[in-house]
Amino acid sequence: AICYTGRVGILDFLFPTYCVRCRKIGSYVCPNCFAMISFSQDRICLVCNRASYDGLTHPKCRGKHVIDGSFTSIDYKGTVKKLLYTFKYKPYVSSLKVLLADLFYEGLIQQEGFMRALSTNPVLVPIPLHVTRLRQRGYNQSEILAIELGKKFDLPIENLLTRTKKTISQFGLKREARIENVKGAFCARSKKLEARSYQGIFLIDDIMTSGSTFLECAYVLKKAGVKRVWGMALARD
């Protein structure tokens, strides 16, 4: 179980922390708003966009360069939207990474499909930002989540992908448009992949909507020789 309480120090008096949802002073999420966070229940096959009992790609949808499945932890609504906005778009708040990683972890270990995939000792690979976006923001939120998850699962983190195409925002785009938008946007780091045989990879991102980014990244990595690839996102939209 997760119990999140803010620690009070001298800086809290000088620069008080407010709940991201109700603005109550004390912590980034007050107990009432924390109670409204819900763990993801629905699983889908990213290829056909239909229900999947364990989050894995349906047998009929599998292919040589197709993603093996996807897992998400919490629903992207209410408090979670506010949390991720604060984490992703406002100046980076490092204290949020622990809370978000705890939620990510708790949601994952409840899923049988994830636990089976975890037994392959995969490598965590954060979804990269385009260099211009990275300069603007100053950090990659997916990499921060990957680092925190790596500590919890004792798994290595590797930056095996680069974003070579500056795509437009996926917000508001339909599924087909999202898939087209990210097509050709990623490239595998061939030298790193050649130096080691990667049997399994967990792609890490903060939010999953259609899964188009995971589909494209999995295609690129499998074309480069990776055996199995799964997508993992903190929140499901």
Protein backbone atom coordinates (compact mmCIF):
# COMPACT_ATOMS: atom_id res chain seq x y z
CA ALA A 1 0.00 0.00 0.00
CA ILE A 2 1.13 3.54 -0.72
CA CYS A 3 1.00 6.14 1.99
CA TYR A 4 2.02 9.58 0.78
CA THR A 5 2.66 12.31 3.31
CA GLY A 6 4.58 15.53 2.82
CA ARG A 7 7.56 16.23 5.07
CA VAL A 8 7.55 19.63 6.68
CA GLY A 9 10.79 21.60 6.89
CA ILE A 10 11.96 25.21 6.89
CA LEU A 11 11.54 25.43 3.10
CA ASP A 12 7.90 24.40 3.46
CA PHE A 13 7.26 27.50 5.52
CA LEU A 14 9.09 29.74 3.06
CA PHE A 15 7.69 28.06 -0.08
CA PRO A 16 4.57 26.10 0.95
CA THR A 17 3.47 23.10 -1.10
CA TYR A 18 -0.13 22.85 -2.31
CA CYS A 19 -2.18 19.86 -3.40
CA VAL A 20 -2.17 19.82 -7.22
CA ARG A 21 -5.93 19.26 -7.34
CA CYS A 22 -7.64 21.10 -4.47
CA ARG A 23 -4.81 23.50 -3.52
CA LYS A 24 -4.88 22.45 0.13
CA ILE A 25 -1.57 23.34 1.75
CA GLY A 26 0.75 20.58 2.95
CA SER A 27 1.73 18.23 0.10
CA TYR A 28 1.40 17.77 -3.66
CA VAL A 29 -1.51 15.38 -3.08
CA CYS A 30 -3.70 15.65 0.00
CA PRO A 31 -5.20 12.42 1.42
CA ASN A 32 -8.65 13.15 -0.04
CA CYS A 33 -7.36 13.68 -3.57
CA PHE A 34 -4.97 10.75 -3.27
CA ALA A 35 -7.95 8.50 -2.49
CA MET A 36 -9.44 9.38 -5.91
CA ILE A 37 -6.51 7.86 -7.83
CA SER A 38 -7.62 4.59 -9.44
CA PHE A 39 -5.50 1.77 -10.81
CA SER A 40 -6.02 0.77 -14.44
CA GLN A 41 -8.32 -2.20 -14.96
CA ASP A 42 -8.78 -2.35 -18.73
CA ARG A 43 -6.10 -4.03 -20.84
CA ILE A 44 -5.89 -3.82 -24.61
CA CYS A 45 -4.00 -5.34 -27.51
CA LEU A 46 -2.25 -2.36 -29.06
CA VAL A 47 -2.34 -3.86 -32.55
CA CYS A 48 -6.12 -4.26 -32.92
CA ASN A 49 -7.12 -1.89 -30.09
CA ARG A 50 -9.40 -4.52 -28.55
CA ALA A 51 -9.58 -5.91 -25.05
CA SER A 52 -6.77 -8.20 -23.92
CA TYR A 53 -7.11 -10.13 -20.68
CA ASP A 54 -3.46 -9.77 -19.66
CA GLY A 55 -2.32 -6.80 -21.75
CA LEU A 56 -0.44 -9.04 -24.16
CA THR A 57 -0.76 -8.87 -27.94
CA HIS A 58 -3.37 -11.31 -29.26
CA PRO A 59 -1.90 -14.44 -30.91
CA LYS A 60 -3.52 -13.50 -34.23
CA CYS A 61 -2.01 -9.97 -34.01
CA ARG A 62 1.57 -11.07 -33.34
CA GLY A 63 4.33 -10.63 -35.88
CA LYS A 64 8.09 -10.54 -36.22
CA HIS A 65 8.31 -6.78 -35.65
CA VAL A 66 5.19 -6.33 -33.50
CA ILE A 67 5.08 -5.29 -29.84
CA ASP A 68 4.47 -8.16 -27.38
CA GLY A 69 2.14 -6.27 -25.04
CA SER A 70 1.62 -3.20 -22.88
CA PHE A 71 0.97 -2.44 -19.22
CA THR A 72 -0.32 0.69 -17.50
CA SER A 73 -0.75 1.40 -13.79
CA ILE A 74 -3.24 4.21 -13.16
CA ASP A 75 -6.08 5.99 -14.97
CA TYR A 76 -5.27 9.37 -16.51
CA LYS A 77 -7.97 11.49 -14.92
CA GLY A 78 -8.57 13.95 -12.09
CA THR A 79 -5.69 14.00 -9.62
CA VAL A 80 -3.42 12.04 -11.95
CA LYS A 81 -3.84 14.60 -14.74
CA LYS A 82 -2.84 17.37 -12.35
CA LEU A 83 0.12 15.38 -11.04
CA LEU A 84 1.51 14.62 -14.48
CA TYR A 85 0.97 18.17 -15.68
CA THR A 86 3.00 19.42 -12.72
CA PHE A 87 5.67 16.78 -13.34
CA LYS A 88 5.80 17.20 -17.11
CA TYR A 89 5.01 20.80 -18.01
CA LYS A 90 5.85 22.94 -15.02
CA PRO A 91 9.39 23.31 -13.67
CA TYR A 92 10.54 19.84 -12.70
CA VAL A 93 9.50 18.93 -9.15
CA SER A 94 11.87 16.16 -8.06
CA SER A 95 9.82 15.17 -5.02
CA LEU A 96 7.01 14.00 -7.31
CA LYS A 97 9.14 11.31 -8.94
CA VAL A 98 9.05 9.12 -5.82
CA LEU A 99 5.25 9.25 -5.54
CA LEU A 100 4.75 8.61 -9.27
CA ALA A 101 7.25 5.73 -9.27
CA ASP A 102 5.45 4.18 -6.27
CA LEU A 103 2.13 4.34 -8.13
CA PHE A 104 3.77 2.93 -11.27
CA TYR A 105 5.29 0.04 -9.32
CA GLU A 106 2.15 -0.84 -7.36
CA GLY A 107 0.02 -0.93 -10.50
CA LEU A 108 2.48 -3.15 -12.36
CA ILE A 109 3.02 -5.84 -9.74
CA GLN A 110 -0.73 -6.53 -9.64
CA GLN A 111 -0.67 -7.74 -13.25
CA GLU A 112 0.10 -11.36 -14.13
CA GLY A 113 1.14 -10.51 -17.68
CA PHE A 114 3.68 -8.01 -16.43
CA MET A 115 5.12 -10.40 -13.86
CA ARG A 116 5.63 -13.04 -16.57
CA ALA A 117 7.37 -10.49 -18.78
CA LEU A 118 9.51 -9.37 -15.83
CA SER A 119 10.87 -12.91 -15.46
CA THR A 120 12.84 -12.40 -18.71
CA ASN A 121 15.09 -9.83 -16.94
CA PRO A 122 14.40 -7.05 -19.45
CA VAL A 123 16.14 -3.71 -19.87
CA LEU A 124 14.24 -0.46 -19.28
CA VAL A 125 14.31 1.90 -22.26
CA PRO A 126 12.73 5.36 -21.85
CA ILE A 127 10.88 6.87 -24.79
CA PRO A 128 13.19 9.70 -25.94
CA LEU A 129 12.26 13.33 -26.52
CA HIS A 130 13.35 15.19 -29.62
CA VAL A 131 16.49 17.21 -28.91
CA THR A 132 14.66 20.53 -29.25
CA ARG A 133 11.95 19.45 -26.78
CA LEU A 134 14.61 18.17 -24.41
CA ARG A 135 16.41 21.53 -24.49
CA GLN A 136 13.15 23.37 -23.77
CA ARG A 137 12.13 21.14 -20.88
CA GLY A 138 15.58 20.33 -19.55
CA TYR A 139 14.77 16.72 -18.71
CA ASN A 140 12.97 13.66 -20.05
CA GLN A 141 10.16 12.65 -17.69
CA SER A 142 10.14 9.10 -19.10
CA GLU A 143 13.82 8.68 -18.29
CA ILE A 144 13.22 9.87 -14.72
CA LEU A 145 10.44 7.30 -14.29
CA ALA A 146 12.66 4.60 -15.81
CA ILE A 147 15.46 5.37 -13.35
CA GLU A 148 13.09 5.15 -10.39
CA LEU A 149 11.54 1.89 -11.65
CA GLY A 150 15.02 0.50 -12.25
CA LYS A 151 15.78 0.95 -8.57
CA LYS A 152 12.58 -0.85 -7.54
CA PHE A 153 12.95 -3.81 -9.89
CA ASP A 154 16.76 -3.87 -9.94
CA LEU A 155 16.78 -3.55 -13.74
CA PRO A 156 19.26 -1.65 -15.92
CA ILE A 157 18.29 1.43 -17.94
CA GLU A 158 19.56 1.89 -21.48
CA ASN A 159 18.94 4.74 -23.93
CA LEU A 160 18.65 2.57 -27.02
CA LEU A 161 16.46 4.94 -29.06
CA THR A 162 16.82 8.43 -30.46
CA ARG A 163 14.01 10.65 -31.70
CA THR A 164 15.01 11.82 -35.16
CA LYS A 165 11.77 13.50 -36.20
CA LYS A 166 10.11 16.41 -34.42
CA THR A 167 6.48 15.34 -34.40
CA ILE A 168 3.47 17.48 -33.69
CA SER A 169 1.58 16.96 -30.42
CA GLN A 170 -0.48 13.77 -30.33
CA PHE A 171 -3.16 15.54 -28.31
CA GLY A 172 -6.49 15.57 -30.14
CA LEU A 173 -5.34 13.28 -32.97
CA LYS A 174 -7.31 10.14 -33.85
CA ARG A 175 -5.63 6.75 -33.64
CA GLU A 176 -4.73 6.52 -37.33
CA ALA A 177 -3.30 10.04 -37.31
CA ARG A 178 -1.25 9.26 -34.19
CA ILE A 179 0.25 6.20 -35.85
CA GLU A 180 1.13 8.22 -38.96
CA ASN A 181 2.53 11.08 -36.87
CA VAL A 182 5.19 8.91 -35.18
CA LYS A 183 6.05 6.80 -38.21
CA GLY A 184 9.79 7.09 -38.82
CA ALA A 185 10.24 9.30 -35.75
CA PHE A 186 12.60 6.93 -33.91
CA CYS A 187 15.91 5.30 -34.65
CA ALA A 188 17.70 2.49 -32.82
CA ARG A 189 21.21 3.07 -31.52
CA SER A 190 22.77 0.33 -33.61
CA LYS A 191 26.21 0.30 -31.96
CA LYS A 192 24.71 -0.19 -28.50
CA LEU A 193 22.42 -2.94 -29.79
CA GLU A 194 25.26 -4.68 -31.59
CA ALA A 195 27.39 -4.62 -28.45
CA ARG A 196 24.87 -6.74 -26.56
CA SER A 197 22.08 -9.14 -27.39
CA TYR A 198 18.93 -7.74 -25.77
CA GLN A 199 16.38 -10.50 -25.19
CA GLY A 200 13.68 -8.28 -23.72
CA ILE A 201 12.94 -4.57 -23.40
CA PHE A 202 10.41 -2.57 -21.41
CA LEU A 203 9.67 0.76 -23.11
CA ILE A 204 8.88 3.40 -20.47
CA ASP A 205 6.56 6.39 -20.95
CA ASP A 206 4.38 8.56 -18.74
CA ILE A 207 1.05 8.38 -20.62
CA MET A 208 -0.40 5.89 -23.10
CA THR A 209 -3.41 6.76 -25.24
CA SER A 210 -3.49 4.81 -28.50
CA GLY A 211 -0.12 3.13 -27.98
CA SER A 212 1.14 4.40 -31.34
CA THR A 213 4.50 5.46 -29.88
CA PHE A 214 5.02 2.03 -28.32
CA LEU A 215 4.08 0.33 -31.60
CA GLU A 216 6.61 2.38 -33.58
CA CYS A 217 9.42 1.99 -31.05
CA ALA A 218 8.86 -1.75 -30.80
CA TYR A 219 8.99 -2.02 -34.60
CA VAL A 220 12.30 -0.15 -34.71
CA LEU A 221 13.87 -2.21 -31.92
CA LYS A 222 12.71 -5.55 -33.30
CA LYS A 223 13.99 -4.63 -36.76
CA ALA A 224 17.32 -4.05 -35.03
CA GLY A 225 17.29 -7.55 -33.56
CA VAL A 226 15.61 -7.30 -30.13
CA LYS A 227 13.61 -10.45 -29.37
CA ARG A 228 10.77 -9.14 -27.20
CA VAL A 229 9.43 -5.65 -26.48
CA TRP A 230 6.68 -4.52 -24.12
CA GLY A 231 5.37 -1.01 -23.46
CA MET A 232 4.87 0.33 -19.94
CA ALA A 233 3.18 3.63 -19.12
CA LEU A 234 2.39 5.13 -15.76
CA ALA A 235 -1.08 6.31 -16.84
CA ARG A 236 -3.67 5.13 -19.36
CA ASP A 237 -5.74 7.81 -21.08
